[in-house]
Amino acid sequence: MQIRPTSQLNQTQSISFRETRSAAAVQAPAQAPVDQVDISFEAQMLARTSGESIRADRVATIKAQIASGVYESPAKLEAAVSRLLDEMA
């Protein structure tokens, strides 16, 4: 590689890189990493014994309120902030 003074940079010059790979790297492509999640036995049991179920009617009502723009209100915001502060205390 040659380093030339800036006064001689009148035109662009191409640079070529030579890539070298070992024979093993060319023949055997690397395997992609696999994501894995392990859920503890206790967490699985808690999920099974949770008495709460999804209330489809309530979810539909809230979705309709969000779509119509009436779901968010100052009272609901105040209640959410109050709950958040209670949890942080």
PDB file of N, CA and C in Angstrom:
ATOM      1  N   MET A   1       0.844  -1.170   0.000  1.00  0.00           N
ATOM      2  CA  MET A   1       0.000   0.000   0.000  1.00  0.00           C
ATOM      3  C   MET A   1       0.889   1.232   0.000  1.00  0.00           C
ATOM      4  N   GLN A   2       0.546   2.152  -0.817  1.00  0.00           N
ATOM      5  CA  GLN A   2       1.311   3.389  -0.880  1.00  0.00           C
ATOM      6  C   GLN A   2       0.480   4.526  -0.308  1.00  0.00           C
ATOM      7  N   ILE A   3       1.145   5.375   0.456  1.00  0.00           N
ATOM      8  CA  ILE A   3       0.486   6.556   0.993  1.00  0.00           C
ATOM      9  C   ILE A   3       1.101   7.738   0.291  1.00  0.00           C
ATOM     10  N   ARG A   4       0.245   8.497  -0.358  1.00  0.00           N
ATOM     11  CA  ARG A   4       0.728   9.634  -1.148  1.00  0.00           C
ATOM     12  C   ARG A   4       0.269  10.929  -0.506  1.00  0.00           C
ATOM     13  N   PRO A   5       1.020  11.966  -0.680  1.00  0.00           N
ATOM     14  CA  PRO A   5       0.625  13.267  -0.124  1.00  0.00           C
ATOM     15  C   PRO A   5      -0.708  13.719  -0.730  1.00  0.00           C
ATOM     16  N   THR A   6      -1.440  14.551   0.012  1.00  0.00           N
ATOM     17  CA  THR A   6      -2.750  15.005  -0.448  1.00  0.00           C
ATOM     18  C   THR A   6      -2.673  15.877  -1.685  1.00  0.00           C
ATOM     19  N   SER A   7      -1.551  16.478  -1.952  1.00  0.00           N
ATOM     20  CA  SER A   7      -1.439  17.345  -3.127  1.00  0.00           C
ATOM     21  C   SER A   7      -1.487  16.546  -4.426  1.00  0.00           C
ATOM     22  N   GLN A   8      -1.311  15.234  -4.364  1.00  0.00           N
ATOM     23  CA  GLN A   8      -1.321  14.416  -5.574  1.00  0.00           C
ATOM     24  C   GLN A   8      -2.629  13.658  -5.761  1.00  0.00           C
ATOM     25  N   LEU A   9      -3.667  14.002  -5.037  1.00  0.00           N
ATOM     26  CA  LEU A   9      -4.944  13.311  -5.147  1.00  0.00           C
ATOM     27  C   LEU A   9      -5.831  13.999  -6.184  1.00  0.00           C
ATOM     28  N   ASN A  10      -5.494  13.870  -7.435  1.00  0.00           N
ATOM     29  CA  ASN A  10      -6.260  14.505  -8.494  1.00  0.00           C
ATOM     30  C   ASN A  10      -7.307  13.567  -9.082  1.00  0.00           C
ATOM     31  N   GLN A  11      -7.150  12.268  -8.950  1.00  0.00           N
ATOM     32  CA  GLN A  11      -8.104  11.322  -9.520  1.00  0.00           C
ATOM     33  C   GLN A  11      -8.278  10.151  -8.553  1.00  0.00           C
ATOM     34  N   THR A  12      -9.340   9.439  -8.768  1.00  0.00           N
ATOM     35  CA  THR A  12      -9.593   8.301  -7.891  1.00  0.00           C
ATOM     36  C   THR A  12      -8.727   7.134  -8.301  1.00  0.00           C
ATOM     37  N   GLN A  13      -8.395   6.319  -7.341  1.00  0.00           N
ATOM     38  CA  GLN A  13      -7.599   5.135  -7.596  1.00  0.00           C
ATOM     39  C   GLN A  13      -8.311   3.943  -6.981  1.00  0.00           C
ATOM     40  N   SER A  14      -8.302   2.831  -7.669  1.00  0.00           N
ATOM     41  CA  SER A  14      -8.981   1.651  -7.150  1.00  0.00           C
ATOM     42  C   SER A  14      -8.081   0.909  -6.175  1.00  0.00           C
ATOM     43  N   ILE A  15      -8.700   0.269  -5.243  1.00  0.00           N
ATOM     44  CA  ILE A  15      -7.992  -0.536  -4.254  1.00  0.00           C
ATOM     45  C   ILE A  15      -8.533  -1.945  -4.380  1.00  0.00           C
ATOM     46  N   SER A  16      -7.679  -2.906  -4.449  1.00  0.00           N
ATOM     47  CA  SER A  16      -8.144  -4.292  -4.535  1.00  0.00           C
ATOM     48  C   SER A  16      -7.729  -5.027  -3.267  1.00  0.00           C
ATOM     49  N   PHE A  17      -8.659  -5.825  -2.766  1.00  0.00           N
ATOM     50  CA  PHE A  17      -8.415  -6.623  -1.584  1.00  0.00           C
ATOM     51  C   PHE A  17      -8.372  -8.087  -1.995  1.00  0.00           C
ATOM     52  N   ARG A  18      -7.440  -8.786  -1.439  1.00  0.00           N
ATOM     53  CA  ARG A  18      -7.351 -10.210  -1.716  1.00  0.00           C
ATOM     54  C   ARG A  18      -7.880 -10.938  -0.488  1.00  0.00           C
ATOM     55  N   GLU A  19      -8.921 -11.734  -0.700  1.00  0.00           N
ATOM     56  CA  GLU A  19      -9.540 -12.445   0.406  1.00  0.00           C
ATOM     57  C   GLU A  19      -8.938 -13.833   0.484  1.00  0.00           C
ATOM     58  N   THR A  20      -8.496 -14.177   1.674  1.00  0.00           N
ATOM     59  CA  THR A  20      -7.926 -15.508   1.856  1.00  0.00           C
ATOM     60  C   THR A  20      -8.783 -16.272   2.848  1.00  0.00           C
ATOM     61  N   ARG A  21      -9.108 -17.495   2.477  1.00  0.00           N
ATOM     62  CA  ARG A  21      -9.876 -18.371   3.342  1.00  0.00           C
ATOM     63  C   ARG A  21      -9.178 -19.712   3.416  1.00  0.00           C
ATOM     64  N   SER A  22      -9.321 -20.315   4.551  1.00  0.00           N
ATOM     65  CA  SER A  22      -8.757 -21.642   4.672  1.00  0.00           C
ATOM     66  C   SER A  22      -9.642 -22.625   3.924  1.00  0.00           C
ATOM     67  N   ALA A  23      -9.090 -23.757   3.555  1.00  0.00           N
ATOM     68  CA  ALA A  23      -9.846 -24.764   2.815  1.00  0.00           C
ATOM     69  C   ALA A  23     -11.018 -25.268   3.645  1.00  0.00           C
ATOM     70  N   ALA A  24     -10.867 -25.378   4.956  1.00  0.00           N
ATOM     71  CA  ALA A  24     -11.939 -25.869   5.813  1.00  0.00           C
ATOM     72  C   ALA A  24     -13.102 -24.886   5.846  1.00  0.00           C
ATOM     73  N   ALA A  25     -12.802 -23.593   5.848  1.00  0.00           N
ATOM     74  CA  ALA A  25     -13.857 -22.585   5.895  1.00  0.00           C
ATOM     75  C   ALA A  25     -14.652 -22.563   4.604  1.00  0.00           C
ATOM     76  N   VAL A  26     -14.016 -22.846   3.483  1.00  0.00           N
ATOM     77  CA  VAL A  26     -14.706 -22.848   2.201  1.00  0.00           C
ATOM     78  C   VAL A  26     -15.578 -24.089   2.071  1.00  0.00           C
ATOM     79  N   GLN A  27     -15.134 -25.211   2.551  1.00  0.00           N
ATOM     80  CA  GLN A  27     -15.854 -26.460   2.376  1.00  0.00           C
ATOM     81  C   GLN A  27     -16.995 -26.634   3.370  1.00  0.00           C
ATOM     82  N   ALA A  28     -16.822 -26.222   4.588  1.00  0.00           N
ATOM     83  CA  ALA A  28     -17.835 -26.442   5.612  1.00  0.00           C
ATOM     84  C   ALA A  28     -18.415 -25.106   6.071  1.00  0.00           C
ATOM     85  N   PRO A  29     -19.588 -24.730   5.559  1.00  0.00           N
ATOM     86  CA  PRO A  29     -20.179 -23.457   5.993  1.00  0.00           C
ATOM     87  C   PRO A  29     -20.583 -23.542   7.456  1.00  0.00           C
ATOM     88  N   ALA A  30     -20.467 -22.427   8.137  1.00  0.00           N
ATOM     89  CA  ALA A  30     -20.799 -22.376   9.563  1.00  0.00           C
ATOM     90  C   ALA A  30     -22.302 -22.517   9.751  1.00  0.00           C
ATOM     91  N   GLN A  31     -22.691 -23.220  10.792  1.00  0.00           N
ATOM     92  CA  GLN A  31     -24.108 -23.376  11.091  1.00  0.00           C
ATOM     93  C   GLN A  31     -24.617 -22.125  11.788  1.00  0.00           C
ATOM     94  N   ALA A  32     -25.836 -21.754  11.436  1.00  0.00           N
ATOM     95  CA  ALA A  32     -26.447 -20.582  12.057  1.00  0.00           C
ATOM     96  C   ALA A  32     -26.758 -20.891  13.517  1.00  0.00           C
ATOM     97  N   PRO A  33     -26.579 -19.926  14.404  1.00  0.00           N
ATOM     98  CA  PRO A  33     -26.895 -20.160  15.810  1.00  0.00           C
ATOM     99  C   PRO A  33     -28.393 -20.407  15.979  1.00  0.00           C
ATOM    100  N   VAL A  34     -28.726 -21.207  16.955  1.00  0.00           N
ATOM    101  CA  VAL A  34     -30.117 -21.563  17.219  1.00  0.00           C
ATOM    102  C   VAL A  34     -30.554 -20.899  18.518  1.00  0.00           C
ATOM    103  N   ASP A  35     -31.688 -20.201  18.475  1.00  0.00           N
ATOM    104  CA  ASP A  35     -32.236 -19.594  19.682  1.00  0.00           C
ATOM    105  C   ASP A  35     -32.930 -20.663  20.514  1.00  0.00           C
ATOM    106  N   GLN A  36     -32.865 -20.506  21.825  1.00  0.00           N
ATOM    107  CA  GLN A  36     -33.467 -21.482  22.705  1.00  0.00           C
ATOM    108  C   GLN A  36     -34.016 -20.776  23.933  1.00  0.00           C
ATOM    109  N   VAL A  37     -35.196 -21.192  24.364  1.00  0.00           N
ATOM    110  CA  VAL A  37     -35.801 -20.647  25.572  1.00  0.00           C
ATOM    111  C   VAL A  37     -36.091 -21.803  26.511  1.00  0.00           C
ATOM    112  N   ASP A  38     -35.661 -21.676  27.742  1.00  0.00           N
ATOM    113  CA  ASP A  38     -35.944 -22.684  28.759  1.00  0.00           C
ATOM    114  C   ASP A  38     -36.869 -22.070  29.794  1.00  0.00           C
ATOM    115  N   ILE A  39     -38.015 -22.709  30.010  1.00  0.00           N
ATOM    116  CA  ILE A  39     -38.986 -22.239  30.985  1.00  0.00           C
ATOM    117  C   ILE A  39     -38.927 -23.182  32.177  1.00  0.00           C
ATOM    118  N   SER A  40     -38.744 -22.616  33.344  1.00  0.00           N
ATOM    119  CA  SER A  40     -38.595 -23.443  34.534  1.00  0.00           C
ATOM    120  C   SER A  40     -39.883 -24.216  34.821  1.00  0.00           C
ATOM    121  N   PHE A  41     -39.722 -25.298  35.576  1.00  0.00           N
ATOM    122  CA  PHE A  41     -40.871 -26.116  35.972  1.00  0.00           C
ATOM    123  C   PHE A  41     -41.872 -25.279  36.758  1.00  0.00           C
ATOM    124  N   GLU A  42     -41.355 -24.426  37.646  1.00  0.00           N
ATOM    125  CA  GLU A  42     -42.225 -23.593  38.460  1.00  0.00           C
ATOM    126  C   GLU A  42     -43.046 -22.645  37.598  1.00  0.00           C
ATOM    127  N   ALA A  43     -42.424 -22.056  36.585  1.00  0.00           N
ATOM    128  CA  ALA A  43     -43.144 -21.146  35.700  1.00  0.00           C
ATOM    129  C   ALA A  43     -44.201 -21.889  34.896  1.00  0.00           C
ATOM    130  N   GLN A  44     -43.898 -23.105  34.474  1.00  0.00           N
ATOM    131  CA  GLN A  44     -44.881 -23.900  33.746  1.00  0.00           C
ATOM    132  C   GLN A  44     -46.068 -24.232  34.635  1.00  0.00           C
ATOM    133  N   MET A  45     -45.797 -24.598  35.882  1.00  0.00           N
ATOM    134  CA  MET A  45     -46.882 -24.917  36.811  1.00  0.00           C
ATOM    135  C   MET A  45     -47.731 -23.677  37.112  1.00  0.00           C
ATOM    136  N   LEU A  46     -47.084 -22.538  37.269  1.00  0.00           N
ATOM    137  CA  LEU A  46     -47.804 -21.304  37.536  1.00  0.00           C
ATOM    138  C   LEU A  46     -48.721 -20.958  36.368  1.00  0.00           C
ATOM    139  N   ALA A  47     -48.247 -21.163  35.153  1.00  0.00           N
ATOM    140  CA  ALA A  47     -49.062 -20.879  33.978  1.00  0.00           C
ATOM    141  C   ALA A  47     -50.277 -21.795  33.920  1.00  0.00           C
ATOM    142  N   ARG A  48     -50.105 -23.038  34.326  1.00  0.00           N
ATOM    143  CA  ARG A  48     -51.215 -24.003  34.288  1.00  0.00           C
ATOM    144  C   ARG A  48     -52.250 -23.722  35.379  1.00  0.00           C
ATOM    145  N   THR A  49     -51.784 -23.273  36.539  1.00  0.00           N
ATOM    146  CA  THR A  49     -52.687 -23.099  37.670  1.00  0.00           C
ATOM    147  C   THR A  49     -53.285 -21.705  37.759  1.00  0.00           C
ATOM    148  N   SER A  50     -52.873 -20.834  36.886  1.00  0.00           N
ATOM    149  CA  SER A  50     -53.402 -19.473  36.924  1.00  0.00           C
ATOM    150  C   SER A  50     -54.907 -19.520  36.664  1.00  0.00           C
ATOM    151  N   GLY A  51     -55.685 -18.983  37.587  1.00  0.00           N
ATOM    152  CA  GLY A  51     -57.134 -19.037  37.478  1.00  0.00           C
ATOM    153  C   GLY A  51     -57.703 -18.019  36.506  1.00  0.00           C
ATOM    154  N   GLU A  52     -56.874 -17.088  36.052  1.00  0.00           N
ATOM    155  CA  GLU A  52     -57.369 -16.056  35.153  1.00  0.00           C
ATOM    156  C   GLU A  52     -57.468 -16.584  33.732  1.00  0.00           C
ATOM    157  N   SER A  53     -58.535 -16.222  33.084  1.00  0.00           N
ATOM    158  CA  SER A  53     -58.669 -16.565  31.679  1.00  0.00           C
ATOM    159  C   SER A  53     -58.944 -15.285  30.909  1.00  0.00           C
ATOM    160  N   ILE A  54     -58.736 -15.327  29.628  1.00  0.00           N
ATOM    161  CA  ILE A  54     -58.945 -14.149  28.800  1.00  0.00           C
ATOM    162  C   ILE A  54     -60.449 -13.958  28.606  1.00  0.00           C
ATOM    163  N   ARG A  55     -60.897 -12.772  28.913  1.00  0.00           N
ATOM    164  CA  ARG A  55     -62.315 -12.450  28.740  1.00  0.00           C
ATOM    165  C   ARG A  55     -62.494 -11.826  27.366  1.00  0.00           C
ATOM    166  N   ALA A  56     -62.920 -12.634  26.406  1.00  0.00           N
ATOM    167  CA  ALA A  56     -63.040 -12.209  25.015  1.00  0.00           C
ATOM    168  C   ALA A  56     -63.986 -11.023  24.876  1.00  0.00           C
ATOM    169  N   ASP A  57     -65.057 -10.995  25.657  1.00  0.00           N
ATOM    170  CA  ASP A  57     -66.004  -9.887  25.555  1.00  0.00           C
ATOM    171  C   ASP A  57     -65.375  -8.572  26.014  1.00  0.00           C
ATOM    172  N   ARG A  58     -64.578  -8.631  27.069  1.00  0.00           N
ATOM    173  CA  ARG A  58     -63.906  -7.426  27.578  1.00  0.00           C
ATOM    174  C   ARG A  58     -62.848  -6.935  26.593  1.00  0.00           C
ATOM    175  N   VAL A  59     -62.098  -7.884  26.011  1.00  0.00           N
ATOM    176  CA  VAL A  59     -61.081  -7.524  25.018  1.00  0.00           C
ATOM    177  C   VAL A  59     -61.742  -6.861  23.817  1.00  0.00           C
ATOM    178  N   ALA A  60     -62.853  -7.394  23.343  1.00  0.00           N
ATOM    179  CA  ALA A  60     -63.560  -6.812  22.196  1.00  0.00           C
ATOM    180  C   ALA A  60     -64.051  -5.407  22.510  1.00  0.00           C
ATOM    181  N   THR A  61     -64.560  -5.202  23.731  1.00  0.00           N
ATOM    182  CA  THR A  61     -65.040  -3.878  24.135  1.00  0.00           C
ATOM    183  C   THR A  61     -63.905  -2.861  24.146  1.00  0.00           C
ATOM    184  N   ILE A  62     -62.781  -3.246  24.710  1.00  0.00           N
ATOM    185  CA  ILE A  62     -61.636  -2.325  24.785  1.00  0.00           C
ATOM    186  C   ILE A  62     -61.086  -2.041  23.396  1.00  0.00           C
ATOM    187  N   LYS A  63     -61.006  -3.049  22.530  1.00  0.00           N
ATOM    188  CA  LYS A  63     -60.544  -2.820  21.156  1.00  0.00           C
ATOM    189  C   LYS A  63     -61.452  -1.827  20.433  1.00  0.00           C
ATOM    190  N   ALA A  64     -62.747  -1.954  20.628  1.00  0.00           N
ATOM    191  CA  ALA A  64     -63.695  -1.033  19.997  1.00  0.00           C
ATOM    192  C   ALA A  64     -63.506   0.383  20.528  1.00  0.00           C
ATOM    193  N   GLN A  65     -63.275   0.517  21.843  1.00  0.00           N
ATOM    194  CA  GLN A  65     -63.056   1.842  22.430  1.00  0.00           C
ATOM    195  C   GLN A  65     -61.771   2.468  21.904  1.00  0.00           C
ATOM    196  N   ILE A  66     -60.719   1.683  21.756  1.00  0.00           N
ATOM    197  CA  ILE A  66     -59.450   2.198  21.216  1.00  0.00           C
ATOM    198  C   ILE A  66     -59.638   2.648  19.785  1.00  0.00           C
ATOM    199  N   ALA A  67     -60.335   1.833  18.987  1.00  0.00           N
ATOM    200  CA  ALA A  67     -60.555   2.165  17.577  1.00  0.00           C
ATOM    201  C   ALA A  67     -61.371   3.441  17.418  1.00  0.00           C
ATOM    202  N   SER A  68     -62.331   3.667  18.328  1.00  0.00           N
ATOM    203  CA  SER A  68     -63.168   4.857  18.219  1.00  0.00           C
ATOM    204  C   SER A  68     -62.527   6.092  18.850  1.00  0.00           C
ATOM    205  N   GLY A  69     -61.440   5.881  19.592  1.00  0.00           N
ATOM    206  CA  GLY A  69     -60.729   7.013  20.182  1.00  0.00           C
ATOM    207  C   GLY A  69     -61.248   7.456  21.532  1.00  0.00           C
ATOM    208  N   VAL A  70     -62.113   6.683  22.169  1.00  0.00           N
ATOM    209  CA  VAL A  70     -62.657   7.090  23.464  1.00  0.00           C
ATOM    210  C   VAL A  70     -62.038   6.337  24.630  1.00  0.00           C
ATOM    211  N   TYR A  71     -61.116   5.433  24.370  1.00  0.00           N
ATOM    212  CA  TYR A  71     -60.544   4.625  25.450  1.00  0.00           C
ATOM    213  C   TYR A  71     -59.667   5.449  26.379  1.00  0.00           C
ATOM    214  N   GLU A  72     -58.821   6.277  25.805  1.00  0.00           N
ATOM    215  CA  GLU A  72     -57.908   7.063  26.634  1.00  0.00           C
ATOM    216  C   GLU A  72     -58.641   8.275  27.205  1.00  0.00           C
ATOM    217  N   SER A  73     -58.533   8.424  28.513  1.00  0.00           N
ATOM    218  CA  SER A  73     -59.164   9.567  29.175  1.00  0.00           C
ATOM    219  C   SER A  73     -58.257  10.008  30.326  1.00  0.00           C
ATOM    220  N   PRO A  74     -58.422  11.230  30.772  1.00  0.00           N
ATOM    221  CA  PRO A  74     -57.604  11.695  31.901  1.00  0.00           C
ATOM    222  C   PRO A  74     -57.785  10.827  33.146  1.00  0.00           C
ATOM    223  N   ALA A  75     -58.989  10.342  33.384  1.00  0.00           N
ATOM    224  CA  ALA A  75     -59.231   9.513  34.561  1.00  0.00           C
ATOM    225  C   ALA A  75     -58.473   8.187  34.462  1.00  0.00           C
ATOM    226  N   LYS A  76     -58.479   7.582  33.295  1.00  0.00           N
ATOM    227  CA  LYS A  76     -57.768   6.309  33.118  1.00  0.00           C
ATOM    228  C   LYS A  76     -56.261   6.520  33.212  1.00  0.00           C
ATOM    229  N   LEU A  77     -55.773   7.637  32.687  1.00  0.00           N
ATOM    230  CA  LEU A  77     -54.351   7.937  32.781  1.00  0.00           C
ATOM    231  C   LEU A  77     -53.948   8.132  34.242  1.00  0.00           C
ATOM    232  N   GLU A  78     -54.768   8.843  34.987  1.00  0.00           N
ATOM    233  CA  GLU A  78     -54.485   9.064  36.410  1.00  0.00           C
ATOM    234  C   GLU A  78     -54.474   7.740  37.170  1.00  0.00           C
ATOM    235  N   ALA A  79     -55.413   6.855  36.863  1.00  0.00           N
ATOM    236  CA  ALA A  79     -55.465   5.548  37.531  1.00  0.00           C
ATOM    237  C   ALA A  79     -54.223   4.723  37.200  1.00  0.00           C
ATOM    238  N   ALA A  80     -53.788   4.757  35.945  1.00  0.00           N
ATOM    239  CA  ALA A  80     -52.604   3.994  35.545  1.00  0.00           C
ATOM    240  C   ALA A  80     -51.353   4.526  36.232  1.00  0.00           C
ATOM    241  N   VAL A  81     -51.214   5.836  36.296  1.00  0.00           N
ATOM    242  CA  VAL A  81     -50.052   6.440  36.959  1.00  0.00           C
ATOM    243  C   VAL A  81     -50.077   6.116  38.447  1.00  0.00           C
ATOM    244  N   SER A  82     -51.250   6.163  39.043  1.00  0.00           N
ATOM    245  CA  SER A  82     -51.369   5.855  40.462  1.00  0.00           C
ATOM    246  C   SER A  82     -50.960   4.411  40.747  1.00  0.00           C
ATOM    247  N   ARG A  83     -51.419   3.476  39.914  1.00  0.00           N
ATOM    248  CA  ARG A  83     -51.035   2.063  40.097  1.00  0.00           C
ATOM    249  C   ARG A  83     -49.540   1.876  39.926  1.00  0.00           C
ATOM    250  N   LEU A  84     -48.968   2.558  38.933  1.00  0.00           N
ATOM    251  CA  LEU A  84     -47.535   2.448  38.688  1.00  0.00           C
ATOM    252  C   LEU A  84     -46.754   2.956  39.892  1.00  0.00           C
ATOM    253  N   LEU A  85     -47.152   4.086  40.418  1.00  0.00           N
ATOM    254  CA  LEU A  85     -46.454   4.631  41.592  1.00  0.00           C
ATOM    255  C   LEU A  85     -46.609   3.733  42.806  1.00  0.00           C
ATOM    256  N   ASP A  86     -47.786   3.108  42.968  1.00  0.00           N
ATOM    257  CA  ASP A  86     -47.998   2.168  44.088  1.00  0.00           C
ATOM    258  C   ASP A  86     -47.071   0.977  43.963  1.00  0.00           C
ATOM    259  N   GLU A  87     -46.885   0.461  42.732  1.00  0.00           N
ATOM    260  CA  GLU A  87     -46.002  -0.686  42.527  1.00  0.00           C
ATOM    261  C   GLU A  87     -44.545  -0.327  42.772  1.00  0.00           C
ATOM    262  N   MET A  88     -44.165   0.898  42.480  1.00  0.00           N
ATOM    263  CA  MET A  88     -42.780   1.321  42.655  1.00  0.00           C
ATOM    264  C   MET A  88     -42.455   1.602  44.115  1.00  0.00           C
ATOM    265  N   ALA A  89     -43.459   1.883  44.919  1.00  0.00           N
ATOM    266  CA  ALA A  89     -43.231   2.235  46.320  1.00  0.00           C
ATOM    267  C   ALA A  89     -42.922   1.030  47.176  1.00  0.00           C
TER     268      ALA A  89
END
